[in-house]
Amino acid sequence: MNKPKKSHMNAARRIFRYVKGTMRYGLLFPTGLKDDCESLSSYSDSDWGGDATDRRSTSGYVMLYNGASIAWCTKKQPVTALSTCEAEYIAGTFATCQMVWLDSVLRELKCELQKPLKLMIDNKSAINLAKNPVSHGRSKHIETRFHFIREQVMNGNIVLVYCPTEIQLADGFTKSVKLDRFEFLREKLGLVST
């Protein structure tokens, strides 16, 4: 890092304290579940303009296979979203790409997922945008590559399901959350004390 400041050192110390305090946690992959290879739960979320410097949003998603977290990502969006709807739509596209890839990997392993795959999103406007192929004044500027989610919905490969923020498991990937919320998400994502 070029010219580190005291605030950078404080942040690094905080991270090290967190890592030291959570070393006993690990991912739980439950045994004794059905062998039919059909359960994939996917969640995507976004903040809106959370980066104070360039106002870009942060996307996050998580996929759980038979109750175990197998894929997750937090990523700054490559463009500045003009609305919460657009930010959530882009986050949904990132998650959709991962879901399509996971589906192909699991098919190679002879595990057929039940179709359509479900993606949980906590923004009704983003869900409606993905279901409606018509360009509107508020969405016509969205780059073509982000409409991959719409294509997958139209082809019947993915269904978007509204999920209240309270049960949105990708929430902690996009914004800071209070301790009780953090502990709830940690448990639901399968991070347990060993």
N, C-alpha and C. Protein backbone atom coordinates (compact mmCIF):
# COMPACT_ATOMS: atom_id res chain seq x y z
N MET A 1 0.85 -1.16 0.00
CA MET A 1 0.00 0.00 0.00
C MET A 1 0.90 1.23 0.00
N ASN A 2 0.52 2.21 -0.77
CA ASN A 2 1.29 3.43 -0.90
C ASN A 2 0.84 4.44 0.16
N LYS A 3 1.77 4.93 0.98
CA LYS A 3 1.51 5.94 2.01
C LYS A 3 0.38 5.53 2.96
N PRO A 4 0.57 4.44 3.70
CA PRO A 4 -0.48 4.04 4.65
C PRO A 4 -0.66 5.08 5.75
N LYS A 5 -1.89 5.25 6.16
CA LYS A 5 -2.22 6.20 7.23
C LYS A 5 -2.57 5.43 8.50
N LYS A 6 -2.73 6.16 9.57
CA LYS A 6 -3.10 5.54 10.84
C LYS A 6 -4.44 4.80 10.71
N SER A 7 -5.36 5.36 9.96
CA SER A 7 -6.67 4.72 9.78
C SER A 7 -6.53 3.36 9.09
N HIS A 8 -5.57 3.24 8.17
CA HIS A 8 -5.33 1.96 7.50
C HIS A 8 -4.79 0.93 8.49
N MET A 9 -3.89 1.36 9.34
CA MET A 9 -3.33 0.46 10.36
C MET A 9 -4.41 0.02 11.34
N ASN A 10 -5.27 0.94 11.73
CA ASN A 10 -6.37 0.59 12.64
C ASN A 10 -7.30 -0.43 11.99
N ALA A 11 -7.59 -0.24 10.71
CA ALA A 11 -8.45 -1.20 10.00
C ALA A 11 -7.78 -2.56 9.92
N ALA A 12 -6.49 -2.59 9.64
CA ALA A 12 -5.77 -3.87 9.57
C ALA A 12 -5.78 -4.57 10.92
N ARG A 13 -5.56 -3.81 12.00
CA ARG A 13 -5.60 -4.41 13.35
C ARG A 13 -6.98 -4.99 13.64
N ARG A 14 -8.02 -4.28 13.24
CA ARG A 14 -9.39 -4.76 13.47
C ARG A 14 -9.62 -6.08 12.72
N ILE A 15 -9.15 -6.16 11.50
CA ILE A 15 -9.30 -7.39 10.72
C ILE A 15 -8.56 -8.54 11.40
N PHE A 16 -7.33 -8.29 11.83
CA PHE A 16 -6.55 -9.35 12.49
C PHE A 16 -7.23 -9.80 13.79
N ARG A 17 -7.79 -8.85 14.56
CA ARG A 17 -8.51 -9.23 15.78
C ARG A 17 -9.71 -10.10 15.44
N TYR A 18 -10.43 -9.74 14.37
CA TYR A 18 -11.59 -10.53 13.95
C TYR A 18 -11.16 -11.94 13.55
N VAL A 19 -10.13 -12.04 12.73
CA VAL A 19 -9.66 -13.36 12.28
C VAL A 19 -9.22 -14.20 13.48
N LYS A 20 -8.48 -13.61 14.39
CA LYS A 20 -8.02 -14.34 15.58
C LYS A 20 -9.21 -14.82 16.42
N GLY A 21 -10.23 -14.00 16.54
CA GLY A 21 -11.40 -14.34 17.35
C GLY A 21 -12.35 -15.32 16.70
N THR A 22 -12.20 -15.55 15.40
CA THR A 22 -13.14 -16.45 14.70
C THR A 22 -12.46 -17.66 14.07
N MET A 23 -11.24 -17.94 14.48
CA MET A 23 -10.51 -19.07 13.90
C MET A 23 -11.19 -20.40 14.16
N ARG A 24 -12.02 -20.47 15.17
CA ARG A 24 -12.68 -21.73 15.49
C ARG A 24 -13.91 -21.99 14.61
N TYR A 25 -14.28 -21.03 13.77
CA TYR A 25 -15.45 -21.20 12.91
C TYR A 25 -15.07 -21.85 11.59
N GLY A 26 -15.99 -22.67 11.09
CA GLY A 26 -15.78 -23.30 9.79
C GLY A 26 -17.11 -23.57 9.12
N LEU A 27 -17.07 -23.90 7.84
CA LEU A 27 -18.29 -24.21 7.10
C LEU A 27 -18.76 -25.61 7.43
N LEU A 28 -20.05 -25.75 7.64
CA LEU A 28 -20.65 -27.05 7.92
C LEU A 28 -21.28 -27.58 6.64
N PHE A 29 -20.90 -28.79 6.26
CA PHE A 29 -21.52 -29.47 5.14
C PHE A 29 -22.28 -30.66 5.71
N PRO A 30 -23.60 -30.50 5.91
CA PRO A 30 -24.38 -31.54 6.58
C PRO A 30 -24.35 -32.87 5.83
N THR A 31 -24.40 -33.95 6.59
CA THR A 31 -24.49 -35.29 5.99
C THR A 31 -25.88 -35.83 6.23
N GLY A 32 -26.20 -36.92 5.54
CA GLY A 32 -27.48 -37.56 5.75
C GLY A 32 -28.63 -36.87 5.05
N LEU A 33 -28.34 -35.99 4.10
CA LEU A 33 -29.40 -35.34 3.34
C LEU A 33 -29.78 -36.19 2.15
N LYS A 34 -30.86 -35.80 1.50
CA LYS A 34 -31.31 -36.53 0.31
C LYS A 34 -30.18 -36.60 -0.72
N ASP A 35 -30.15 -37.68 -1.46
CA ASP A 35 -29.13 -37.85 -2.50
C ASP A 35 -29.61 -37.43 -3.88
N ASP A 36 -30.75 -36.74 -3.95
CA ASP A 36 -31.29 -36.43 -5.27
C ASP A 36 -30.69 -35.18 -5.90
N CYS A 37 -29.76 -34.54 -5.24
CA CYS A 37 -28.99 -33.44 -5.84
C CYS A 37 -29.86 -32.31 -6.38
N GLU A 38 -30.91 -31.96 -5.69
CA GLU A 38 -31.80 -30.98 -6.30
C GLU A 38 -31.88 -29.64 -5.59
N SER A 39 -31.28 -29.49 -4.45
CA SER A 39 -31.51 -28.30 -3.64
C SER A 39 -30.41 -27.26 -3.78
N LEU A 40 -30.69 -26.20 -4.55
CA LEU A 40 -29.79 -25.05 -4.65
C LEU A 40 -30.58 -23.81 -4.28
N SER A 41 -30.17 -23.14 -3.22
CA SER A 41 -30.80 -21.89 -2.79
C SER A 41 -29.84 -20.75 -3.10
N SER A 42 -30.32 -19.74 -3.83
CA SER A 42 -29.46 -18.63 -4.24
C SER A 42 -30.07 -17.31 -3.80
N TYR A 43 -29.21 -16.42 -3.34
CA TYR A 43 -29.62 -15.10 -2.87
C TYR A 43 -28.68 -14.05 -3.45
N SER A 44 -29.24 -12.93 -3.92
CA SER A 44 -28.39 -11.82 -4.36
C SER A 44 -28.88 -10.53 -3.73
N ASP A 45 -27.96 -9.62 -3.51
CA ASP A 45 -28.30 -8.35 -2.88
C ASP A 45 -27.31 -7.28 -3.36
N SER A 46 -27.66 -6.04 -3.10
CA SER A 46 -26.79 -4.93 -3.46
C SER A 46 -27.05 -3.76 -2.53
N ASP A 47 -26.01 -2.97 -2.29
CA ASP A 47 -26.27 -1.67 -1.68
C ASP A 47 -26.50 -0.72 -2.86
N TRP A 48 -26.60 0.55 -2.61
CA TRP A 48 -26.74 1.48 -3.73
C TRP A 48 -25.79 2.65 -3.51
N GLY A 49 -24.81 2.74 -4.39
CA GLY A 49 -23.86 3.85 -4.34
C GLY A 49 -23.06 3.90 -3.05
N GLY A 50 -22.74 2.75 -2.51
CA GLY A 50 -22.09 2.68 -1.21
C GLY A 50 -20.64 3.14 -1.18
N ASP A 51 -19.96 3.15 -2.31
CA ASP A 51 -18.57 3.61 -2.33
C ASP A 51 -18.56 5.13 -2.33
N ALA A 52 -18.00 5.71 -1.28
CA ALA A 52 -18.02 7.17 -1.12
C ALA A 52 -17.22 7.90 -2.19
N THR A 53 -16.24 7.23 -2.80
CA THR A 53 -15.39 7.88 -3.80
C THR A 53 -16.06 7.97 -5.16
N ASP A 54 -16.50 6.84 -5.70
CA ASP A 54 -17.06 6.84 -7.06
C ASP A 54 -18.55 6.51 -7.10
N ARG A 55 -19.18 6.31 -5.94
CA ARG A 55 -20.61 6.04 -5.80
C ARG A 55 -21.05 4.75 -6.50
N ARG A 56 -20.13 3.83 -6.72
CA ARG A 56 -20.52 2.54 -7.28
C ARG A 56 -21.08 1.65 -6.18
N SER A 57 -21.95 0.76 -6.60
CA SER A 57 -22.62 -0.14 -5.66
C SER A 57 -21.82 -1.41 -5.47
N THR A 58 -22.12 -2.12 -4.40
CA THR A 58 -21.50 -3.41 -4.12
C THR A 58 -22.54 -4.49 -4.28
N SER A 59 -22.22 -5.52 -5.06
CA SER A 59 -23.09 -6.68 -5.24
C SER A 59 -22.61 -7.80 -4.35
N GLY A 60 -23.54 -8.63 -3.95
CA GLY A 60 -23.18 -9.82 -3.19
C GLY A 60 -24.14 -10.94 -3.52
N TYR A 61 -23.64 -12.16 -3.51
CA TYR A 61 -24.53 -13.31 -3.66
C TYR A 61 -23.97 -14.49 -2.90
N VAL A 62 -24.86 -15.42 -2.61
CA VAL A 62 -24.46 -16.67 -1.96
C VAL A 62 -25.36 -17.78 -2.50
N MET A 63 -24.77 -18.95 -2.71
CA MET A 63 -25.50 -20.14 -3.13
C MET A 63 -25.29 -21.24 -2.11
N LEU A 64 -26.39 -21.87 -1.70
CA LEU A 64 -26.34 -22.96 -0.75
C LEU A 64 -26.82 -24.23 -1.44
N TYR A 65 -26.02 -25.27 -1.36
CA TYR A 65 -26.37 -26.56 -1.95
C TYR A 65 -26.67 -27.52 -0.81
N ASN A 66 -27.91 -28.00 -0.77
CA ASN A 66 -28.37 -28.85 0.34
C ASN A 66 -28.06 -28.22 1.69
N GLY A 67 -28.23 -26.90 1.78
CA GLY A 67 -28.06 -26.19 3.04
C GLY A 67 -26.65 -25.73 3.36
N ALA A 68 -25.69 -26.03 2.50
CA ALA A 68 -24.30 -25.65 2.74
C ALA A 68 -23.86 -24.58 1.74
N SER A 69 -23.19 -23.54 2.22
CA SER A 69 -22.68 -22.49 1.33
C SER A 69 -21.59 -23.08 0.45
N ILE A 70 -21.79 -22.99 -0.87
CA ILE A 70 -20.77 -23.52 -1.79
C ILE A 70 -20.20 -22.44 -2.70
N ALA A 71 -20.87 -21.30 -2.80
CA ALA A 71 -20.36 -20.21 -3.64
C ALA A 71 -20.86 -18.89 -3.07
N TRP A 72 -19.97 -17.91 -3.04
CA TRP A 72 -20.35 -16.59 -2.56
C TRP A 72 -19.39 -15.57 -3.16
N CYS A 73 -19.85 -14.34 -3.21
CA CYS A 73 -19.01 -13.29 -3.81
C CYS A 73 -19.48 -11.93 -3.32
N THR A 74 -18.54 -11.06 -3.11
CA THR A 74 -18.81 -9.64 -2.89
C THR A 74 -17.96 -8.91 -3.92
N LYS A 75 -18.59 -8.02 -4.66
CA LYS A 75 -17.87 -7.38 -5.77
C LYS A 75 -18.42 -5.98 -6.01
N LYS A 76 -17.51 -5.04 -6.20
CA LYS A 76 -17.93 -3.69 -6.58
C LYS A 76 -18.41 -3.73 -8.02
N GLN A 77 -19.54 -3.10 -8.29
CA GLN A 77 -20.09 -3.12 -9.64
C GLN A 77 -19.23 -2.28 -10.58
N PRO A 78 -19.12 -2.71 -11.85
CA PRO A 78 -18.24 -2.03 -12.80
C PRO A 78 -18.80 -0.71 -13.34
N VAL A 79 -20.06 -0.43 -13.05
CA VAL A 79 -20.69 0.81 -13.52
C VAL A 79 -21.42 1.45 -12.34
N THR A 80 -21.73 2.72 -12.48
CA THR A 80 -22.50 3.42 -11.45
C THR A 80 -23.98 3.21 -11.72
N ALA A 81 -24.66 2.57 -10.78
CA ALA A 81 -26.10 2.34 -10.92
C ALA A 81 -26.85 3.63 -10.61
N LEU A 82 -27.89 3.90 -11.39
CA LEU A 82 -28.65 5.13 -11.21
C LEU A 82 -29.82 4.98 -10.24
N SER A 83 -30.08 3.74 -9.79
CA SER A 83 -31.18 3.50 -8.86
C SER A 83 -30.92 2.21 -8.10
N THR A 84 -31.67 2.02 -7.02
CA THR A 84 -31.55 0.76 -6.28
C THR A 84 -32.00 -0.40 -7.16
N CYS A 85 -33.00 -0.17 -7.99
CA CYS A 85 -33.47 -1.21 -8.90
C CYS A 85 -32.34 -1.67 -9.81
N GLU A 86 -31.64 -0.74 -10.41
CA GLU A 86 -30.54 -1.08 -11.31
C GLU A 86 -29.42 -1.81 -10.57
N ALA A 87 -29.08 -1.35 -9.38
CA ALA A 87 -28.02 -1.99 -8.60
C ALA A 87 -28.40 -3.44 -8.27
N GLU A 88 -29.65 -3.66 -7.88
CA GLU A 88 -30.11 -5.02 -7.56
C GLU A 88 -30.19 -5.89 -8.82
N TYR A 89 -30.56 -5.29 -9.94
CA TYR A 89 -30.63 -6.01 -11.22
C TYR A 89 -29.24 -6.50 -11.63
N ILE A 90 -28.24 -5.64 -11.49
CA ILE A 90 -26.86 -6.01 -11.82
C ILE A 90 -26.38 -7.11 -10.88
N ALA A 91 -26.68 -6.98 -9.59
CA ALA A 91 -26.31 -8.02 -8.62
C ALA A 91 -26.97 -9.35 -8.99
N GLY A 92 -28.22 -9.29 -9.41
CA GLY A 92 -28.93 -10.50 -9.84
C GLY A 92 -28.30 -11.13 -11.06
N THR A 93 -27.79 -10.31 -11.96
CA THR A 93 -27.10 -10.83 -13.14
C THR A 93 -25.82 -11.56 -12.75
N PHE A 94 -25.05 -10.98 -11.84
CA PHE A 94 -23.83 -11.66 -11.37
C PHE A 94 -24.18 -13.02 -10.76
N ALA A 95 -25.23 -13.04 -9.94
CA ALA A 95 -25.65 -14.30 -9.30
C ALA A 95 -26.14 -15.30 -10.34
N THR A 96 -26.88 -14.82 -11.34
CA THR A 96 -27.39 -15.70 -12.39
C THR A 96 -26.25 -16.37 -13.14
N CYS A 97 -25.21 -15.62 -13.46
CA CYS A 97 -24.04 -16.21 -14.15
C CYS A 97 -23.45 -17.35 -13.32
N GLN A 98 -23.31 -17.13 -12.02
CA GLN A 98 -22.76 -18.16 -11.14
C GLN A 98 -23.70 -19.37 -11.06
N MET A 99 -25.01 -19.12 -11.00
CA MET A 99 -25.98 -20.21 -10.93
C MET A 99 -25.93 -21.08 -12.18
N VAL A 100 -25.84 -20.45 -13.35
CA VAL A 100 -25.77 -21.21 -14.61
C VAL A 100 -24.51 -22.06 -14.63
N TRP A 101 -23.39 -21.50 -14.17
CA TRP A 101 -22.15 -22.26 -14.12
C TRP A 101 -22.25 -23.42 -13.13
N LEU A 102 -22.78 -23.16 -11.93
CA LEU A 102 -22.94 -24.24 -10.94
C LEU A 102 -23.83 -25.35 -11.46
N ASP A 103 -24.90 -24.98 -12.15
CA ASP A 103 -25.80 -25.97 -12.74
C ASP A 103 -25.05 -26.87 -13.72
N SER A 104 -24.19 -26.28 -14.55
CA SER A 104 -23.44 -27.10 -15.52
C SER A 104 -22.42 -28.00 -14.81
N VAL A 105 -21.78 -27.50 -13.76
CA VAL A 105 -20.82 -28.32 -13.00
C VAL A 105 -21.55 -29.49 -12.35
N LEU A 106 -22.69 -29.22 -11.73
CA LEU A 106 -23.43 -30.28 -11.05
C LEU A 106 -23.98 -31.31 -12.04
N ARG A 107 -24.37 -30.86 -13.25
CA ARG A 107 -24.80 -31.82 -14.28
C ARG A 107 -23.66 -32.73 -14.68
N GLU A 108 -22.44 -32.18 -14.77
CA GLU A 108 -21.26 -33.01 -15.07
C GLU A 108 -21.05 -34.07 -13.99
N LEU A 109 -21.43 -33.73 -12.76
CA LEU A 109 -21.29 -34.67 -11.64
C LEU A 109 -22.53 -35.56 -11.49
N LYS A 110 -23.40 -35.52 -12.50
CA LYS A 110 -24.63 -36.32 -12.53
C LYS A 110 -25.63 -35.92 -11.45
N CYS A 111 -25.62 -34.66 -11.07
CA CYS A 111 -26.59 -34.13 -10.12
C CYS A 111 -27.49 -33.15 -10.87
N GLU A 112 -28.73 -33.54 -11.06
CA GLU A 112 -29.67 -32.68 -11.77
C GLU A 112 -30.43 -31.80 -10.78
N LEU A 113 -30.32 -30.51 -10.94
CA LEU A 113 -31.05 -29.58 -10.08
C LEU A 113 -32.47 -29.44 -10.60
N GLN A 114 -33.40 -29.24 -9.68
CA GLN A 114 -34.79 -29.02 -10.05
C GLN A 114 -34.90 -27.66 -10.73
N LYS A 115 -35.55 -27.61 -11.89
CA LYS A 115 -35.69 -26.37 -12.66
C LYS A 115 -37.11 -25.84 -12.49
N PRO A 116 -37.30 -24.55 -12.60
CA PRO A 116 -36.27 -23.53 -12.75
C PRO A 116 -35.53 -23.29 -11.43
N LEU A 117 -34.29 -22.83 -11.56
CA LEU A 117 -33.51 -22.48 -10.38
C LEU A 117 -34.10 -21.20 -9.78
N LYS A 118 -34.09 -21.11 -8.46
CA LYS A 118 -34.68 -19.95 -7.78
C LYS A 118 -33.60 -19.00 -7.28
N LEU A 119 -33.80 -17.73 -7.59
CA LEU A 119 -32.92 -16.67 -7.09
C LEU A 119 -33.75 -15.73 -6.24
N MET A 120 -33.35 -15.58 -4.98
CA MET A 120 -34.07 -14.74 -4.03
C MET A 120 -33.51 -13.31 -4.09
N ILE A 121 -34.41 -12.35 -4.34
CA ILE A 121 -34.03 -10.93 -4.45
C ILE A 121 -34.98 -10.12 -3.58
N ASP A 122 -34.47 -9.11 -2.89
CA ASP A 122 -35.33 -8.32 -2.00
C ASP A 122 -35.76 -6.98 -2.62
N ASN A 123 -35.82 -6.92 -3.94
CA ASN A 123 -36.22 -5.69 -4.62
C ASN A 123 -37.22 -6.04 -5.72
N LYS A 124 -38.49 -5.68 -5.51
CA LYS A 124 -39.55 -6.04 -6.46
C LYS A 124 -39.36 -5.37 -7.81
N SER A 125 -38.82 -4.15 -7.83
CA SER A 125 -38.61 -3.45 -9.10
C SER A 125 -37.59 -4.19 -9.97
N ALA A 126 -36.53 -4.71 -9.36
CA ALA A 126 -35.52 -5.46 -10.11
C ALA A 126 -36.12 -6.75 -10.67
N ILE A 127 -36.97 -7.40 -9.89
CA ILE A 127 -37.64 -8.62 -10.36
C ILE A 127 -38.53 -8.29 -11.55
N ASN A 128 -39.31 -7.21 -11.45
CA ASN A 128 -40.19 -6.81 -12.55
C ASN A 128 -39.40 -6.44 -13.80
N LEU A 129 -38.27 -5.78 -13.62
CA LEU A 129 -37.43 -5.40 -14.75
C LEU A 129 -36.92 -6.64 -15.49
N ALA A 130 -36.56 -7.66 -14.75
CA ALA A 130 -36.05 -8.89 -15.37
C ALA A 130 -37.16 -9.66 -16.08
N LYS A 131 -38.39 -9.52 -15.63
CA LYS A 131 -39.51 -10.25 -16.23
C LYS A 131 -40.10 -9.53 -17.44
N ASN A 132 -39.79 -8.24 -17.61
CA ASN A 132 -40.39 -7.44 -18.66
C ASN A 132 -39.34 -7.10 -19.72
N PRO A 133 -39.47 -7.64 -20.93
CA PRO A 133 -38.46 -7.42 -21.97
C PRO A 133 -38.51 -6.04 -22.63
N VAL A 134 -39.43 -5.19 -22.23
CA VAL A 134 -39.58 -3.88 -22.85
C VAL A 134 -38.61 -2.90 -22.20
N SER A 135 -37.91 -2.10 -23.02
CA SER A 135 -37.02 -1.07 -22.48
C SER A 135 -37.86 0.13 -22.07
N HIS A 136 -37.63 0.59 -20.86
CA HIS A 136 -38.33 1.76 -20.35
C HIS A 136 -37.34 2.91 -20.25
N GLY A 137 -37.86 4.10 -20.11
CA GLY A 137 -37.00 5.28 -19.98
C GLY A 137 -35.99 5.16 -18.85
N ARG A 138 -36.40 4.51 -17.77
CA ARG A 138 -35.51 4.40 -16.61
C ARG A 138 -34.51 3.26 -16.72
N SER A 139 -34.67 2.41 -17.73
CA SER A 139 -33.77 1.24 -17.82
C SER A 139 -33.09 1.08 -19.17
N LYS A 140 -33.39 1.94 -20.12
CA LYS A 140 -32.85 1.74 -21.47
C LYS A 140 -31.34 1.93 -21.55
N HIS A 141 -30.76 2.59 -20.55
CA HIS A 141 -29.31 2.82 -20.55
C HIS A 141 -28.52 1.63 -20.01
N ILE A 142 -29.18 0.65 -19.43
CA ILE A 142 -28.48 -0.49 -18.81
C ILE A 142 -27.76 -1.29 -19.89
N GLU A 143 -26.49 -1.56 -19.64
CA GLU A 143 -25.67 -2.27 -20.62
C GLU A 143 -26.25 -3.64 -20.95
N THR A 144 -26.10 -4.04 -22.20
CA THR A 144 -26.65 -5.29 -22.71
C THR A 144 -26.23 -6.50 -21.88
N ARG A 145 -24.98 -6.55 -21.44
CA ARG A 145 -24.49 -7.73 -20.72
C ARG A 145 -25.25 -7.98 -19.43
N PHE A 146 -25.84 -6.94 -18.85
CA PHE A 146 -26.56 -7.12 -17.60
C PHE A 146 -27.96 -7.69 -17.82
N HIS A 147 -28.38 -7.82 -19.08
CA HIS A 147 -29.69 -8.41 -19.37
C HIS A 147 -29.64 -9.93 -19.48
N PHE A 148 -28.51 -10.54 -19.15
CA PHE A 148 -28.39 -12.00 -19.13
C PHE A 148 -29.43 -12.60 -18.18
N ILE A 149 -29.70 -11.92 -17.08
CA ILE A 149 -30.69 -12.40 -16.13
C ILE A 149 -32.07 -12.48 -16.79
N ARG A 150 -32.39 -11.48 -17.60
CA ARG A 150 -33.68 -11.46 -18.29
C ARG A 150 -33.80 -12.64 -19.26
N GLU A 151 -32.73 -12.92 -19.98
CA GLU A 151 -32.71 -14.05 -20.91
C GLU A 151 -32.96 -15.37 -20.19
N GLN A 152 -32.31 -15.54 -19.05
CA GLN A 152 -32.47 -16.79 -18.28
C GLN A 152 -33.89 -16.92 -17.72
N VAL A 153 -34.49 -15.80 -17.32
CA VAL A 153 -35.87 -15.82 -16.84
C VAL A 153 -36.81 -16.16 -17.99
N MET A 154 -36.62 -15.52 -19.15
CA MET A 154 -37.48 -15.77 -20.31
C MET A 154 -37.37 -17.21 -20.82
N ASN A 155 -36.18 -17.80 -20.70
CA ASN A 155 -35.98 -19.19 -21.13
C ASN A 155 -36.48 -20.21 -20.11
N GLY A 156 -36.92 -19.74 -18.95
CA GLY A 156 -37.44 -20.64 -17.92
C GLY A 156 -36.37 -21.34 -17.11
N ASN A 157 -35.12 -20.92 -17.24
CA ASN A 157 -34.04 -21.55 -16.47
C ASN A 157 -34.00 -21.05 -15.03
N ILE A 158 -34.41 -19.79 -14.84
CA ILE A 158 -34.32 -19.14 -13.53
C ILE A 158 -35.67 -18.49 -13.23
N VAL A 159 -36.07 -18.57 -11.99
CA VAL A 159 -37.24 -17.83 -11.54
C VAL A 159 -36.79 -16.93 -10.39
N LEU A 160 -37.24 -15.68 -10.45
CA LEU A 160 -36.88 -14.72 -9.41
C LEU A 160 -37.99 -14.68 -8.37
N VAL A 161 -37.61 -14.80 -7.12
CA VAL A 161 -38.58 -14.85 -6.02
C VAL A 161 -38.29 -13.70 -5.07
N TYR A 162 -39.35 -12.96 -4.74
CA TYR A 162 -39.17 -11.88 -3.77
C TYR A 162 -38.89 -12.47 -2.40
N CYS A 163 -37.92 -11.87 -1.75
CA CYS A 163 -37.49 -12.33 -0.43
C CYS A 163 -37.36 -11.10 0.46
N PRO A 164 -38.10 -11.02 1.56
CA PRO A 164 -37.96 -9.86 2.45
C PRO A 164 -36.53 -9.71 2.94
N THR A 165 -36.11 -8.49 3.15
CA THR A 165 -34.74 -8.21 3.58
C THR A 165 -34.37 -8.99 4.84
N GLU A 166 -35.34 -9.23 5.72
CA GLU A 166 -35.06 -9.92 6.98
C GLU A 166 -34.50 -11.33 6.76
N ILE A 167 -34.86 -11.97 5.64
CA ILE A 167 -34.37 -13.33 5.38
C ILE A 167 -33.42 -13.37 4.18
N GLN A 168 -32.96 -12.21 3.74
CA GLN A 168 -32.03 -12.11 2.62
C GLN A 168 -30.63 -12.49 3.11
N LEU A 169 -30.15 -13.67 2.72
CA LEU A 169 -28.89 -14.18 3.23
C LEU A 169 -27.66 -13.49 2.63
N ALA A 170 -27.82 -12.76 1.54
CA ALA A 170 -26.69 -12.05 0.93
C ALA A 170 -26.52 -10.65 1.51
N ASP A 171 -27.36 -10.28 2.45
CA ASP A 171 -27.36 -8.94 3.02
C ASP A 171 -26.00 -8.54 3.60
N GLY A 172 -25.37 -9.44 4.30
CA GLY A 172 -24.09 -9.14 4.94
C GLY A 172 -22.92 -9.02 3.98
N PHE A 173 -23.12 -9.38 2.72
CA PHE A 173 -22.06 -9.27 1.73
C PHE A 173 -21.98 -7.86 1.14
N THR A 174 -23.00 -7.04 1.38
CA THR A 174 -23.06 -5.74 0.71
C THR A 174 -23.03 -4.54 1.65
N LYS A 175 -23.23 -4.77 2.91
CA LYS A 175 -23.26 -3.65 3.86
C LYS A 175 -22.93 -4.15 5.25
N SER A 176 -22.52 -3.24 6.11
CA SER A 176 -22.26 -3.66 7.49
C SER A 176 -23.61 -3.90 8.18
N VAL A 177 -23.62 -4.89 9.05
CA VAL A 177 -24.85 -5.24 9.76
C VAL A 177 -24.57 -5.28 11.26
N LYS A 178 -25.60 -5.13 12.05
CA LYS A 178 -25.45 -5.17 13.51
C LYS A 178 -25.12 -6.60 13.95
N LEU A 179 -24.62 -6.72 15.16
CA LEU A 179 -24.13 -8.00 15.66
C LEU A 179 -25.18 -9.10 15.62
N ASP A 180 -26.41 -8.82 16.06
CA ASP A 180 -27.44 -9.87 16.06
C ASP A 180 -27.76 -10.33 14.64
N ARG A 181 -27.79 -9.40 13.70
CA ARG A 181 -28.02 -9.75 12.29
C ARG A 181 -26.84 -10.56 11.75
N PHE A 182 -25.64 -10.13 12.08
CA PHE A 182 -24.43 -10.83 11.65
C PHE A 182 -24.45 -12.28 12.14
N GLU A 183 -24.79 -12.49 13.41
CA GLU A 183 -24.82 -13.84 13.97
C GLU A 183 -25.90 -14.69 13.31
N PHE A 184 -27.05 -14.08 13.00
CA PHE A 184 -28.12 -14.78 12.29
C PHE A 184 -27.63 -15.24 10.92
N LEU A 185 -27.01 -14.33 10.17
CA LEU A 185 -26.52 -14.66 8.83
C LEU A 185 -25.42 -15.71 8.90
N ARG A 186 -24.52 -15.57 9.84
CA ARG A 186 -23.43 -16.54 10.00
C ARG A 186 -23.98 -17.95 10.20
N GLU A 187 -25.00 -18.06 11.04
CA GLU A 187 -25.61 -19.37 11.29
C GLU A 187 -26.30 -19.91 10.04
N LYS A 188 -27.07 -19.07 9.36
CA LYS A 188 -27.81 -19.51 8.17
C LYS A 188 -26.88 -19.90 7.02
N LEU A 189 -25.70 -19.29 6.96
CA LEU A 189 -24.74 -19.61 5.90
C LEU A 189 -23.91 -20.86 6.23
N GLY A 190 -24.15 -21.43 7.40
CA GLY A 190 -23.48 -22.67 7.76
C GLY A 190 -22.13 -22.50 8.41
N LEU A 191 -21.82 -21.30 8.91
CA LEU A 191 -20.57 -21.08 9.64
C LEU A 191 -20.81 -21.41 11.10
N VAL A 192 -20.17 -22.46 11.58
CA VAL A 192 -20.39 -22.91 12.95
C VAL A 192 -19.07 -23.03 13.69
N SER A 193 -19.16 -22.94 15.00
CA SER A 193 -17.98 -23.09 15.85
C SER A 193 -17.61 -24.57 15.91
N THR A 194 -16.32 -24.85 15.70
CA THR A 194 -15.88 -26.26 15.70
C THR A 194 -15.46 -26.71 17.08
